[in-house]
Amino acid sequence: MCIRDRPGDTVEVRDGRVYVNGFPDQEPYPTEPLNYSAPLTVVEPRTVYVLGDNRSNSEDSHRWGLLNQDLIIGTAWVVIYPFPKAGVVAHMEPKVSMPTALGP
């Protein structure tokens, strides 16, 4: 998943690729060319631009725009795929509380 949360960054999808600040995004895993375009979007303060891993079939910022950071209630802490990299994310310790587990 690609998340951009630095105010002033630009994100655009064109020619089957994601561009951040005018340069092709360097993702750590191979992706298929995208079957859509998304206009240049400037990341505003207190928002994030989110793209799912299954890019051509994801409901994410390319469809509904920037996400307000106040709406984020959880943190990803486990990698499931690709299988060789499966496990707990190295820079985080899982923290689960009942309100987070049950939702808002």
Protein backbone atom coordinates (compact mmCIF):
# COMPACT_ATOMS: atom_id res chain seq x y z
CA MET A 1 0.00 0.00 0.00
CA CYS A 2 1.23 3.46 -0.86
CA ILE A 3 0.43 6.27 1.57
CA ARG A 4 1.53 9.87 1.06
CA ASP A 5 1.01 12.16 4.04
CA ARG A 6 3.49 14.98 3.53
CA PRO A 7 1.62 18.23 2.89
CA GLY A 8 2.54 19.64 -0.50
CA ASP A 9 3.41 16.29 -2.08
CA THR A 10 1.69 15.66 -5.38
CA VAL A 11 0.31 12.29 -6.49
CA GLU A 12 -0.83 11.42 -9.99
CA VAL A 13 -1.61 8.22 -11.88
CA ARG A 14 -0.85 8.28 -15.60
CA ASP A 15 0.50 5.95 -18.26
CA GLY A 16 -0.11 2.97 -15.95
CA ARG A 17 2.15 4.30 -13.15
CA VAL A 18 1.95 6.25 -9.89
CA TYR A 19 3.92 9.50 -9.87
CA VAL A 20 4.88 11.29 -6.65
CA ASN A 21 6.15 14.85 -7.03
CA GLY A 22 6.50 14.24 -10.77
CA PHE A 23 8.67 11.11 -10.48
CA PRO A 24 7.60 7.46 -10.84
CA ASP A 25 7.00 5.99 -7.38
CA GLN A 26 9.65 3.41 -6.48
CA GLU A 27 7.65 0.62 -4.88
CA PRO A 28 9.37 -2.31 -3.15
CA TYR A 29 7.32 -4.93 -5.00
CA PRO A 30 6.35 -5.51 -8.64
CA THR A 31 2.98 -4.16 -9.70
CA GLU A 32 0.92 -4.60 -12.82
CA PRO A 33 0.38 -1.50 -14.97
CA LEU A 34 -2.66 0.40 -13.77
CA ASN A 35 -5.80 0.42 -15.88
CA TYR A 36 -6.89 3.92 -14.82
CA SER A 37 -5.66 7.49 -14.51
CA ALA A 38 -6.03 9.88 -11.58
CA PRO A 39 -5.49 13.63 -11.79
CA LEU A 40 -2.65 15.44 -10.08
CA THR A 41 -3.63 15.85 -6.42
CA VAL A 42 -1.83 17.98 -3.83
CA VAL A 43 -1.74 16.37 -0.37
CA GLU A 44 -3.25 18.85 2.06
CA PRO A 45 -2.29 19.15 5.76
CA ARG A 46 -3.90 16.49 8.02
CA THR A 47 -4.81 14.26 5.04
CA VAL A 48 -3.33 11.19 3.35
CA TYR A 49 -3.45 9.86 -0.20
CA VAL A 50 -4.00 6.10 0.03
CA LEU A 51 -3.61 3.46 -2.69
CA GLY A 52 -4.37 -0.21 -2.11
CA ASP A 53 -2.03 -3.05 -3.03
CA ASN A 54 -4.40 -4.41 -5.69
CA ARG A 55 -4.25 -1.08 -7.49
CA SER A 56 -6.55 -1.70 -10.46
CA ASN A 57 -9.28 -3.13 -8.19
CA SER A 58 -8.94 -0.97 -5.05
CA GLU A 59 -11.41 1.49 -3.62
CA ASP A 60 -8.97 4.16 -2.49
CA SER A 61 -7.94 7.78 -2.97
CA HIS A 62 -7.94 7.49 -6.76
CA ARG A 63 -11.74 7.09 -6.46
CA TRP A 64 -12.72 9.09 -3.35
CA GLY A 65 -9.90 11.58 -2.84
CA LEU A 66 -7.82 12.45 0.18
CA LEU A 67 -8.54 10.81 3.55
CA ASN A 68 -8.68 12.95 6.69
CA GLN A 69 -6.11 11.64 9.20
CA ASP A 70 -8.70 11.91 11.99
CA LEU A 71 -10.58 9.00 10.36
CA ILE A 72 -7.64 6.59 10.71
CA ILE A 73 -8.31 4.34 13.70
CA GLY A 74 -5.86 1.49 13.19
CA THR A 75 -2.32 0.60 12.21
CA ALA A 76 -1.15 -2.21 9.97
CA TRP A 77 1.34 -4.35 11.89
CA VAL A 78 1.47 -7.64 9.97
CA VAL A 79 2.67 -8.40 6.42
CA ILE A 80 0.85 -11.34 4.86
CA TYR A 81 1.99 -11.09 1.24
CA PRO A 82 4.41 -11.58 -0.39
CA PHE A 83 4.83 -14.78 1.58
CA PRO A 84 8.64 -14.58 1.93
CA LYS A 85 8.19 -11.26 3.79
CA ALA A 86 5.28 -12.40 5.99
CA GLY A 87 5.50 -11.48 9.67
CA VAL A 88 5.26 -8.59 12.12
CA VAL A 89 6.32 -5.20 10.73
CA ALA A 90 9.79 -4.67 12.17
CA HIS A 91 9.35 -1.05 13.28
CA MET A 92 6.10 -1.60 15.20
CA GLU A 93 4.84 -3.58 18.12
CA PRO A 94 1.23 -4.67 17.82
CA LYS A 95 -1.05 -2.71 20.13
CA VAL A 96 -4.68 -3.73 20.16
CA SER A 97 -7.26 -2.19 22.43
CA MET A 98 -10.90 -3.10 22.63
CA PRO A 99 -12.17 0.21 21.19
CA THR A 100 -9.83 -0.13 18.17
CA ALA A 101 -10.66 -3.79 17.67
CA LEU A 102 -14.39 -3.10 17.78
CA GLY A 103 -14.27 0.13 15.76
CA PRO A 104 -15.45 3.60 16.71
